Amino acid sequence: VVLCADMIAPEGYGEIIGGSEREDDYEKLKAQIEAFGLDLEEY
């Protein structure tokens, strides 16, 4: 799991906020970009 949260509004209005703590470690973020099949040069 990741450090994130969605805020769900009452009365059936669903998610109004999505947020998270961001990965701040270089190697971990690089591995995630590669795992998602994204272009390292672009990022």
ModelCIF file with pLDDT and N, C-alpha, C, O atoms, coordinates in Angstrom:
data_MODEL
#
_entry.id   MODEL 
#
_entity.id                         1 
_entity.type                       polymer 
_entity.pdbx_number_of_molecules   1 
#
_entity_poly.entity_id                      1 
_entity_poly.type                           'polypeptide(L)' 
_entity_poly.nstd_linkage                   no 
_entity_poly.nstd_monomer                   no 
_entity_poly.pdbx_seq_one_letter_code       VVLCADMIAPEGYGEIIGGSEREDDYEKLKAQIEAFGLDLEEY 
_entity_poly.pdbx_seq_one_letter_code_can   VVLCADMIAPEGYGEIIGGSEREDDYEKLKAQIEAFGLDLEEY 
_entity_poly.pdbx_strand_id                 A 
#
loop_
_entity_poly_seq.entity_id 
_entity_poly_seq.num 
_entity_poly_seq.mon_id 
_entity_poly_seq.hetero 
1 1  VAL n 
1 2  VAL n 
1 3  LEU n 
1 4  CYS n 
1 5  ALA n 
1 6  ASP n 
1 7  MET n 
1 8  ILE n 
1 9  ALA n 
1 10 PRO n 
1 11 GLU n 
1 12 GLY n 
1 13 TYR n 
1 14 GLY n 
1 15 GLU n 
1 16 ILE n 
1 17 ILE n 
1 18 GLY n 
1 19 GLY n 
1 20 SER n 
1 21 GLU n 
1 22 ARG n 
1 23 GLU n 
1 24 ASP n 
1 25 ASP n 
1 26 TYR n 
1 27 GLU n 
1 28 LYS n 
1 29 LEU n 
1 30 LYS n 
1 31 ALA n 
1 32 GLN n 
1 33 ILE n 
1 34 GLU n 
1 35 ALA n 
1 36 PHE n 
1 37 GLY n 
1 38 LEU n 
1 39 ASP n 
1 40 LEU n 
1 41 GLU n 
1 42 GLU n 
1 43 TYR n 
#
_struct_asym.id          A 
_struct_asym.entity_id   1 
#
loop_
_ma_qa_metric.id 
_ma_qa_metric.mode 
_ma_qa_metric.name 
_ma_qa_metric.software_group_id 
_ma_qa_metric.type 
1 global pLDDT . pLDDT 
2 local  pLDDT . pLDDT 
#
_ma_qa_metric_global.metric_id      1 
_ma_qa_metric_global.metric_value   96.42 
_ma_qa_metric_global.model_id       1 
_ma_qa_metric_global.ordinal_id     1 
#
loop_
_ma_qa_metric_local.label_asym_id 
_ma_qa_metric_local.label_comp_id 
_ma_qa_metric_local.label_seq_id 
_ma_qa_metric_local.metric_id 
_ma_qa_metric_local.metric_value 
_ma_qa_metric_local.model_id 
_ma_qa_metric_local.ordinal_id 
A VAL 1  2 98.00 1 1  
A VAL 2  2 98.00 1 2  
A LEU 3  2 98.00 1 3  
A CYS 4  2 98.00 1 4  
A ALA 5  2 98.00 1 5  
A ASP 6  2 98.00 1 6  
A MET 7  2 98.00 1 7  
A ILE 8  2 98.00 1 8  
A ALA 9  2 98.00 1 9  
A PRO 10 2 98.00 1 10 
A GLU 11 2 97.00 1 11 
A GLY 12 2 95.00 1 12 
A TYR 13 2 97.00 1 13 
A GLY 14 2 97.00 1 14 
A GLU 15 2 97.00 1 15 
A ILE 16 2 98.00 1 16 
A ILE 17 2 98.00 1 17 
A GLY 18 2 98.00 1 18 
A GLY 19 2 98.00 1 19 
A SER 20 2 98.00 1 20 
A GLU 21 2 98.00 1 21 
A ARG 22 2 98.00 1 22 
A GLU 23 2 98.00 1 23 
A ASP 24 2 98.00 1 24 
A ASP 25 2 98.00 1 25 
A TYR 26 2 98.00 1 26 
A GLU 27 2 98.00 1 27 
A LYS 28 2 97.00 1 28 
A LEU 29 2 97.00 1 29 
A LYS 30 2 97.00 1 30 
A ALA 31 2 97.00 1 31 
A GLN 32 2 96.00 1 32 
A ILE 33 2 95.00 1 33 
A GLU 34 2 95.00 1 34 
A ALA 35 2 94.00 1 35 
A PHE 36 2 92.00 1 36 
A GLY 37 2 91.00 1 37 
A LEU 38 2 91.00 1 38 
A ASP 39 2 91.00 1 39 
A LEU 40 2 94.00 1 40 
A GLU 41 2 93.00 1 41 
A GLU 42 2 92.00 1 42 
A TYR 43 2 95.00 1 43 
#
loop_
_atom_site.group_PDB 
_atom_site.id 
_atom_site.type_symbol 
_atom_site.label_atom_id 
_atom_site.label_alt_id 
_atom_site.label_comp_id 
_atom_site.label_asym_id 
_atom_site.label_entity_id 
_atom_site.label_seq_id 
_atom_site.pdbx_PDB_ins_code 
_atom_site.Cartn_x 
_atom_site.Cartn_y 
_atom_site.Cartn_z 
_atom_site.occupancy 
_atom_site.B_iso_or_equiv 
_atom_site.pdbx_formal_charge 
_atom_site.auth_seq_id 
_atom_site.auth_comp_id 
_atom_site.auth_asym_id 
_atom_site.auth_atom_id 
_atom_site.pdbx_PDB_model_num 
ATOM 1   N N  . VAL A 1 1  ? 0.851   -1.194 0.000   1.00 98.00 ? 1  VAL A N  1 
ATOM 2   C CA . VAL A 1 1  ? 0.000   0.000  0.000   1.00 98.00 ? 1  VAL A CA 1 
ATOM 3   C C  . VAL A 1 1  ? 0.882   1.237  0.000   1.00 98.00 ? 1  VAL A C  1 
ATOM 4   O O  . VAL A 1 1  ? 2.070   1.170  0.318   1.00 98.00 ? 1  VAL A O  1 
ATOM 5   N N  . VAL A 1 2  ? 0.282   2.373  -0.362  1.00 98.00 ? 2  VAL A N  1 
ATOM 6   C CA . VAL A 1 2  ? 1.010   3.636  -0.410  1.00 98.00 ? 2  VAL A CA 1 
ATOM 7   C C  . VAL A 1 2  ? 0.371   4.648  0.540   1.00 98.00 ? 2  VAL A C  1 
ATOM 8   O O  . VAL A 1 2  ? -0.777  4.489  0.957   1.00 98.00 ? 2  VAL A O  1 
ATOM 9   N N  . LEU A 1 3  ? 1.132   5.688  0.874   1.00 98.00 ? 3  LEU A N  1 
ATOM 10  C CA . LEU A 1 3  ? 0.663   6.735  1.788   1.00 98.00 ? 3  LEU A CA 1 
ATOM 11  C C  . LEU A 1 3  ? -0.190  7.736  1.018   1.00 98.00 ? 3  LEU A C  1 
ATOM 12  O O  . LEU A 1 3  ? 0.308   8.747  0.524   1.00 98.00 ? 3  LEU A O  1 
ATOM 13  N N  . CYS A 1 4  ? -1.461  7.442  0.926   1.00 98.00 ? 4  CYS A N  1 
ATOM 14  C CA . CYS A 1 4  ? -2.362  8.284  0.150   1.00 98.00 ? 4  CYS A CA 1 
ATOM 15  C C  . CYS A 1 4  ? -3.720  8.335  0.837   1.00 98.00 ? 4  CYS A C  1 
ATOM 16  O O  . CYS A 1 4  ? -3.973  7.610  1.799   1.00 98.00 ? 4  CYS A O  1 
ATOM 17  N N  . ALA A 1 5  ? -4.582  9.196  0.330   1.00 98.00 ? 5  ALA A N  1 
ATOM 18  C CA . ALA A 1 5  ? -5.948  9.275  0.855   1.00 98.00 ? 5  ALA A CA 1 
ATOM 19  C C  . ALA A 1 5  ? -6.861  9.906  -0.176  1.00 98.00 ? 5  ALA A C  1 
ATOM 20  O O  . ALA A 1 5  ? -6.458  10.802 -0.918  1.00 98.00 ? 5  ALA A O  1 
ATOM 21  N N  . ASP A 1 6  ? -8.092  9.431  -0.213  1.00 98.00 ? 6  ASP A N  1 
ATOM 22  C CA . ASP A 1 6  ? -9.168  10.080 -0.957  1.00 98.00 ? 6  ASP A CA 1 
ATOM 23  C C  . ASP A 1 6  ? -10.160 10.626 0.054   1.00 98.00 ? 6  ASP A C  1 
ATOM 24  O O  . ASP A 1 6  ? -10.497 9.954  1.029   1.00 98.00 ? 6  ASP A O  1 
ATOM 25  N N  . MET A 1 7  ? -10.631 11.858 -0.181  1.00 98.00 ? 7  MET A N  1 
ATOM 26  C CA . MET A 1 7  ? -11.717 12.383 0.631   1.00 98.00 ? 7  MET A CA 1 
ATOM 27  C C  . MET A 1 7  ? -13.027 12.149 -0.111  1.00 98.00 ? 7  MET A C  1 
ATOM 28  O O  . MET A 1 7  ? -13.203 12.598 -1.244  1.00 98.00 ? 7  MET A O  1 
ATOM 29  N N  . ILE A 1 8  ? -13.950 11.434 0.549   1.00 98.00 ? 8  ILE A N  1 
ATOM 30  C CA . ILE A 1 8  ? -15.253 11.127 -0.039  1.00 98.00 ? 8  ILE A CA 1 
ATOM 31  C C  . ILE A 1 8  ? -16.292 12.077 0.546   1.00 98.00 ? 8  ILE A C  1 
ATOM 32  O O  . ILE A 1 8  ? -16.452 12.161 1.763   1.00 98.00 ? 8  ILE A O  1 
ATOM 33  N N  . ALA A 1 9  ? -16.992 12.788 -0.325  1.00 98.00 ? 9  ALA A N  1 
ATOM 34  C CA . ALA A 1 9  ? -18.027 13.711 0.134   1.00 98.00 ? 9  ALA A CA 1 
ATOM 35  C C  . ALA A 1 9  ? -19.285 12.944 0.523   1.00 98.00 ? 9  ALA A C  1 
ATOM 36  O O  . ALA A 1 9  ? -19.547 11.875 -0.029  1.00 98.00 ? 9  ALA A O  1 
ATOM 37  N N  . PRO A 1 10 ? -20.061 13.463 1.455   1.00 98.00 ? 10 PRO A N  1 
ATOM 38  C CA . PRO A 1 10 ? -21.325 12.807 1.830   1.00 98.00 ? 10 PRO A CA 1 
ATOM 39  C C  . PRO A 1 10 ? -22.407 13.001 0.781   1.00 98.00 ? 10 PRO A C  1 
ATOM 40  O O  . PRO A 1 10 ? -22.202 13.691 -0.218  1.00 98.00 ? 10 PRO A O  1 
ATOM 41  N N  . GLU A 1 11 ? -23.556 12.388 1.015   1.00 97.00 ? 11 GLU A N  1 
ATOM 42  C CA . GLU A 1 11 ? -24.750 12.524 0.182   1.00 97.00 ? 11 GLU A CA 1 
ATOM 43  C C  . GLU A 1 11 ? -24.578 11.945 -1.215  1.00 97.00 ? 11 GLU A C  1 
ATOM 44  O O  . GLU A 1 11 ? -25.312 12.312 -2.132  1.00 97.00 ? 11 GLU A O  1 
ATOM 45  N N  . GLY A 1 12 ? -23.615 11.044 -1.384  1.00 95.00 ? 12 GLY A N  1 
ATOM 46  C CA . GLY A 1 12 ? -23.467 10.374 -2.666  1.00 95.00 ? 12 GLY A CA 1 
ATOM 47  C C  . GLY A 1 12 ? -22.688 11.131 -3.706  1.00 95.00 ? 12 GLY A C  1 
ATOM 48  O O  . GLY A 1 12 ? -22.799 10.825 -4.893  1.00 95.00 ? 12 GLY A O  1 
ATOM 49  N N  . TYR A 1 13 ? -21.895 12.122 -3.300  1.00 97.00 ? 13 TYR A N  1 
ATOM 50  C CA . TYR A 1 13 ? -21.159 12.938 -4.273  1.00 97.00 ? 13 TYR A CA 1 
ATOM 51  C C  . TYR A 1 13 ? -19.765 12.411 -4.586  1.00 97.00 ? 13 TYR A C  1 
ATOM 52  O O  . TYR A 1 13 ? -19.097 12.936 -5.476  1.00 97.00 ? 13 TYR A O  1 
ATOM 53  N N  . GLY A 1 14 ? -19.321 11.396 -3.880  1.00 97.00 ? 14 GLY A N  1 
ATOM 54  C CA . GLY A 1 14 ? -18.096 10.709 -4.252  1.00 97.00 ? 14 GLY A CA 1 
ATOM 55  C C  . GLY A 1 14 ? -16.825 11.459 -3.900  1.00 97.00 ? 14 GLY A C  1 
ATOM 56  O O  . GLY A 1 14 ? -16.833 12.384 -3.088  1.00 97.00 ? 14 GLY A O  1 
ATOM 57  N N  . GLU A 1 15 ? -15.721 11.040 -4.532  1.00 97.00 ? 15 GLU A N  1 
ATOM 58  C CA . GLU A 1 15 ? -14.407 11.589 -4.239  1.00 97.00 ? 15 GLU A CA 1 
ATOM 59  C C  . GLU A 1 15 ? -14.295 13.038 -4.696  1.00 97.00 ? 15 GLU A C  1 
ATOM 60  O O  . GLU A 1 15 ? -14.595 13.366 -5.844  1.00 97.00 ? 15 GLU A O  1 
ATOM 61  N N  . ILE A 1 16 ? -13.859 13.898 -3.784  1.00 98.00 ? 16 ILE A N  1 
ATOM 62  C CA . ILE A 1 16 ? -13.612 15.289 -4.167  1.00 98.00 ? 16 ILE A CA 1 
ATOM 63  C C  . ILE A 1 16 ? -12.135 15.650 -4.042  1.00 98.00 ? 16 ILE A C  1 
ATOM 64  O O  . ILE A 1 16 ? -11.684 16.631 -4.633  1.00 98.00 ? 16 ILE A O  1 
ATOM 65  N N  . ILE A 1 17 ? -11.367 14.850 -3.264  1.00 98.00 ? 17 ILE A N  1 
ATOM 66  C CA . ILE A 1 17 ? -9.928  15.091 -3.131  1.00 98.00 ? 17 ILE A CA 1 
ATOM 67  C C  . ILE A 1 17 ? -9.190  13.770 -3.260  1.00 98.00 ? 17 ILE A C  1 
ATOM 68  O O  . ILE A 1 17 ? -9.623  12.747 -2.729  1.00 98.00 ? 17 ILE A O  1 
ATOM 69  N N  . GLY A 1 18 ? -8.073  13.803 -3.970  1.00 98.00 ? 18 GLY A N  1 
ATOM 70  C CA . GLY A 1 18 ? -7.125  12.706 -3.971  1.00 98.00 ? 18 GLY A CA 1 
ATOM 71  C C  . GLY A 1 18 ? -5.752  13.265 -3.653  1.00 98.00 ? 18 GLY A C  1 
ATOM 72  O O  . GLY A 1 18 ? -5.336  14.264 -4.239  1.00 98.00 ? 18 GLY A O  1 
ATOM 73  N N  . GLY A 1 19 ? -5.043  12.630 -2.732  1.00 98.00 ? 19 GLY A N  1 
ATOM 74  C CA . GLY A 1 19 ? -3.734  13.157 -2.360  1.00 98.00 ? 19 GLY A CA 1 
ATOM 75  C C  . GLY A 1 19 ? -2.822  12.079 -1.832  1.00 98.00 ? 19 GLY A C  1 
ATOM 76  O O  . GLY A 1 19 ? -3.243  10.945 -1.606  1.00 98.00 ? 19 GLY A O  1 
ATOM 77  N N  . SER A 1 20 ? -1.560  12.442 -1.636  1.00 98.00 ? 20 SER A N  1 
ATOM 78  C CA . SER A 1 20 ? -0.604  11.464 -1.137  1.00 98.00 ? 20 SER A CA 1 
ATOM 79  C C  . SER A 1 20 ? 0.652   12.162 -0.654  1.00 98.00 ? 20 SER A C  1 
ATOM 80  O O  . SER A 1 20 ? 0.885   13.336 -0.942  1.00 98.00 ? 20 SER A O  1 
ATOM 81  N N  . GLU A 1 21 ? 1.458   11.409 0.091   1.00 98.00 ? 21 GLU A N  1 
ATOM 82  C CA . GLU A 1 21 ? 2.847   11.808 0.295   1.00 98.00 ? 21 GLU A CA 1 
ATOM 83  C C  . GLU A 1 21 ? 3.589   11.332 -0.945  1.00 98.00 ? 21 GLU A C  1 
ATOM 84  O O  . GLU A 1 21 ? 3.315   10.245 -1.453  1.00 98.00 ? 21 GLU A O  1 
ATOM 85  N N  . ARG A 1 22 ? 4.523   12.135 -1.434  1.00 98.00 ? 22 ARG A N  1 
ATOM 86  C CA . ARG A 1 22 ? 5.219   11.818 -2.679  1.00 98.00 ? 22 ARG A CA 1 
ATOM 87  C C  . ARG A 1 22 ? 6.521   11.050 -2.370  1.00 98.00 ? 22 ARG A C  1 
ATOM 88  O O  . ARG A 1 22 ? 7.163   11.280 -1.345  1.00 98.00 ? 22 ARG A O  1 
ATOM 89  N N  . GLU A 1 23 ? 6.884   10.152 -3.262  1.00 98.00 ? 23 GLU A N  1 
ATOM 90  C CA . GLU A 1 23 ? 8.143   9.428  -3.089  1.00 98.00 ? 23 GLU A CA 1 
ATOM 91  C C  . GLU A 1 23 ? 9.298   10.413 -3.201  1.00 98.00 ? 23 GLU A C  1 
ATOM 92  O O  . GLU A 1 23 ? 9.426   11.109 -4.208  1.00 98.00 ? 23 GLU A O  1 
ATOM 93  N N  . ASP A 1 24 ? 10.143  10.476 -2.167  1.00 98.00 ? 24 ASP A N  1 
ATOM 94  C CA . ASP A 1 24 ? 11.236  11.441 -2.181  1.00 98.00 ? 24 ASP A CA 1 
ATOM 95  C C  . ASP A 1 24 ? 12.604  10.784 -2.351  1.00 98.00 ? 24 ASP A C  1 
ATOM 96  O O  . ASP A 1 24 ? 13.624  11.473 -2.334  1.00 98.00 ? 24 ASP A O  1 
ATOM 97  N N  . ASP A 1 25 ? 12.639  9.456  -2.515  1.00 98.00 ? 25 ASP A N  1 
ATOM 98  C CA . ASP A 1 25 ? 13.895  8.743  -2.705  1.00 98.00 ? 25 ASP A CA 1 
ATOM 99  C C  . ASP A 1 25 ? 14.166  8.547  -4.198  1.00 98.00 ? 25 ASP A C  1 
ATOM 100 O O  . ASP A 1 25 ? 13.319  8.017  -4.918  1.00 98.00 ? 25 ASP A O  1 
ATOM 101 N N  . TYR A 1 26 ? 15.323  8.965  -4.656  1.00 98.00 ? 26 TYR A N  1 
ATOM 102 C CA . TYR A 1 26 ? 15.662  8.926  -6.086  1.00 98.00 ? 26 TYR A CA 1 
ATOM 103 C C  . TYR A 1 26 ? 15.565  7.517  -6.663  1.00 98.00 ? 26 TYR A C  1 
ATOM 104 O O  . TYR A 1 26 ? 14.899  7.315  -7.678  1.00 98.00 ? 26 TYR A O  1 
ATOM 105 N N  . GLU A 1 27 ? 16.214  6.548  -6.038  1.00 98.00 ? 27 GLU A N  1 
ATOM 106 C CA . GLU A 1 27 ? 16.257  5.198  -6.594  1.00 98.00 ? 27 GLU A CA 1 
ATOM 107 C C  . GLU A 1 27 ? 14.876  4.546  -6.595  1.00 98.00 ? 27 GLU A C  1 
ATOM 108 O O  . GLU A 1 27 ? 14.512  3.852  -7.544  1.00 98.00 ? 27 GLU A O  1 
ATOM 109 N N  . LYS A 1 28 ? 14.123  4.769  -5.546  1.00 97.00 ? 28 LYS A N  1 
ATOM 110 C CA . LYS A 1 28 ? 12.778  4.174  -5.489  1.00 97.00 ? 28 LYS A CA 1 
ATOM 111 C C  . LYS A 1 28 ? 11.862  4.766  -6.556  1.00 97.00 ? 28 LYS A C  1 
ATOM 112 O O  . LYS A 1 28 ? 11.105  4.043  -7.203  1.00 97.00 ? 28 LYS A O  1 
ATOM 113 N N  . LEU A 1 29 ? 11.932  6.076  -6.735  1.00 97.00 ? 29 LEU A N  1 
ATOM 114 C CA . LEU A 1 29 ? 11.100  6.716  -7.746  1.00 97.00 ? 29 LEU A CA 1 
ATOM 115 C C  . LEU A 1 29 ? 11.521  6.272  -9.146  1.00 97.00 ? 29 LEU A C  1 
ATOM 116 O O  . LEU A 1 29 ? 10.672  6.025  -10.002 1.00 97.00 ? 29 LEU A O  1 
ATOM 117 N N  . LYS A 1 30 ? 12.817  6.171  -9.377  1.00 97.00 ? 30 LYS A N  1 
ATOM 118 C CA . LYS A 1 30 ? 13.303  5.712  -10.678 1.00 97.00 ? 30 LYS A CA 1 
ATOM 119 C C  . LYS A 1 30 ? 12.784  4.308  -10.972 1.00 97.00 ? 30 LYS A C  1 
ATOM 120 O O  . LYS A 1 30 ? 12.348  4.027  -12.088 1.00 97.00 ? 30 LYS A O  1 
ATOM 121 N N  . ALA A 1 31 ? 12.831  3.425  -9.974  1.00 97.00 ? 31 ALA A N  1 
ATOM 122 C CA . ALA A 1 31 ? 12.345  2.054  -10.158 1.00 97.00 ? 31 ALA A CA 1 
ATOM 123 C C  . ALA A 1 31 ? 10.855  2.044  -10.469 1.00 97.00 ? 31 ALA A C  1 
ATOM 124 O O  . ALA A 1 31 ? 10.393  1.237  -11.276 1.00 97.00 ? 31 ALA A O  1 
ATOM 125 N N  . GLN A 1 32 ? 10.104  2.936  -9.834  1.00 96.00 ? 32 GLN A N  1 
ATOM 126 C CA . GLN A 1 32 ? 8.667   3.000  -10.088 1.00 96.00 ? 32 GLN A CA 1 
ATOM 127 C C  . GLN A 1 32 ? 8.368   3.490  -11.496 1.00 96.00 ? 32 GLN A C  1 
ATOM 128 O O  . GLN A 1 32 ? 7.471   2.969  -12.158 1.00 96.00 ? 32 GLN A O  1 
ATOM 129 N N  . ILE A 1 33 ? 9.105   4.480  -11.954 1.00 95.00 ? 33 ILE A N  1 
ATOM 130 C CA . ILE A 1 33 ? 8.910   4.982  -13.315 1.00 95.00 ? 33 ILE A CA 1 
ATOM 131 C C  . ILE A 1 33 ? 9.167   3.873  -14.327 1.00 95.00 ? 33 ILE A C  1 
ATOM 132 O O  . ILE A 1 33 ? 8.425   3.721  -15.298 1.00 95.00 ? 33 ILE A O  1 
ATOM 133 N N  . GLU A 1 34 ? 10.209  3.112  -14.096 1.00 95.00 ? 34 GLU A N  1 
ATOM 134 C CA . GLU A 1 34 ? 10.526  1.999  -14.991 1.00 95.00 ? 34 GLU A CA 1 
ATOM 135 C C  . GLU A 1 34 ? 9.464   0.913  -14.904 1.00 95.00 ? 34 GLU A C  1 
ATOM 136 O O  . GLU A 1 34 ? 9.072   0.341  -15.921 1.00 95.00 ? 34 GLU A O  1 
ATOM 137 N N  . ALA A 1 35 ? 8.997   0.628  -13.692 1.00 94.00 ? 35 ALA A N  1 
ATOM 138 C CA . ALA A 1 35 ? 7.976   -0.410 -13.506 1.00 94.00 ? 35 ALA A CA 1 
ATOM 139 C C  . ALA A 1 35 ? 6.673   -0.060 -14.214 1.00 94.00 ? 35 ALA A C  1 
ATOM 140 O O  . ALA A 1 35 ? 5.946   -0.951 -14.654 1.00 94.00 ? 35 ALA A O  1 
ATOM 141 N N  . PHE A 1 36 ? 6.375   1.234  -14.327 1.00 92.00 ? 36 PHE A N  1 
ATOM 142 C CA . PHE A 1 36 ? 5.151   1.680  -14.998 1.00 92.00 ? 36 PHE A CA 1 
ATOM 143 C C  . PHE A 1 36 ? 5.338   1.769  -16.511 1.00 92.00 ? 36 PHE A C  1 
ATOM 144 O O  . PHE A 1 36 ? 4.407   2.126  -17.232 1.00 92.00 ? 36 PHE A O  1 
ATOM 145 N N  . GLY A 1 37 ? 6.537   1.446  -16.991 1.00 91.00 ? 37 GLY A N  1 
ATOM 146 C CA . GLY A 1 37 ? 6.803   1.481  -18.425 1.00 91.00 ? 37 GLY A CA 1 
ATOM 147 C C  . GLY A 1 37 ? 6.902   2.869  -18.996 1.00 91.00 ? 37 GLY A C  1 
ATOM 148 O O  . GLY A 1 37 ? 6.635   3.070  -20.180 1.00 91.00 ? 37 GLY A O  1 
ATOM 149 N N  . LEU A 1 38 ? 7.286   3.845  -18.170 1.00 91.00 ? 38 LEU A N  1 
ATOM 150 C CA . LEU A 1 38 ? 7.399   5.223  -18.612 1.00 91.00 ? 38 LEU A CA 1 
ATOM 151 C C  . LEU A 1 38 ? 8.819   5.523  -19.065 1.00 91.00 ? 38 LEU A C  1 
ATOM 152 O O  . LEU A 1 38 ? 9.764   4.830  -18.687 1.00 91.00 ? 38 LEU A O  1 
ATOM 153 N N  . ASP A 1 39 ? 8.958   6.556  -19.873 1.00 91.00 ? 39 ASP A N  1 
ATOM 154 C CA . ASP A 1 39 ? 10.245  6.927  -20.452 1.00 91.00 ? 39 ASP A CA 1 
ATOM 155 C C  . ASP A 1 39 ? 11.053  7.720  -19.422 1.00 91.00 ? 39 ASP A C  1 
ATOM 156 O O  . ASP A 1 39 ? 10.661  8.821  -19.035 1.00 91.00 ? 39 ASP A O  1 
ATOM 157 N N  . LEU A 1 40 ? 12.171  7.163  -18.986 1.00 94.00 ? 40 LEU A N  1 
ATOM 158 C CA . LEU A 1 40 ? 12.999  7.826  -17.976 1.00 94.00 ? 40 LEU A CA 1 
ATOM 159 C C  . LEU A 1 40 ? 13.479  9.199  -18.447 1.00 94.00 ? 40 LEU A C  1 
ATOM 160 O O  . LEU A 1 40 ? 13.583  10.133 -17.651 1.00 94.00 ? 40 LEU A O  1 
ATOM 161 N N  . GLU A 1 41 ? 13.767  9.315  -19.732 1.00 93.00 ? 41 GLU A N  1 
ATOM 162 C CA . GLU A 1 41 ? 14.246  10.597 -20.253 1.00 93.00 ? 41 GLU A CA 1 
ATOM 163 C C  . GLU A 1 41 ? 13.198  11.691 -20.094 1.00 93.00 ? 41 GLU A C  1 
ATOM 164 O O  . GLU A 1 41 ? 13.524  12.836 -19.780 1.00 93.00 ? 41 GLU A O  1 
ATOM 165 N N  . GLU A 1 42 ? 11.929  11.324 -20.315 1.00 92.00 ? 42 GLU A N  1 
ATOM 166 C CA . GLU A 1 42 ? 10.836  12.294 -20.184 1.00 92.00 ? 42 GLU A CA 1 
ATOM 167 C C  . GLU A 1 42 ? 10.694  12.782 -18.742 1.00 92.00 ? 42 GLU A C  1 
ATOM 168 O O  . GLU A 1 42 ? 10.283  13.915 -18.495 1.00 92.00 ? 42 GLU A O  1 
ATOM 169 N N  . TYR A 1 43 ? 11.038  11.915 -17.805 1.00 95.00 ? 43 TYR A N  1 
ATOM 170 C CA . TYR A 1 43 ? 10.848  12.245 -16.387 1.00 95.00 ? 43 TYR A CA 1 
ATOM 171 C C  . TYR A 1 43 ? 12.157  12.596 -15.695 1.00 95.00 ? 43 TYR A C  1 
ATOM 172 O O  . TYR A 1 43 ? 12.163  12.895 -14.501 1.00 95.00 ? 43 TYR A O  1 
#
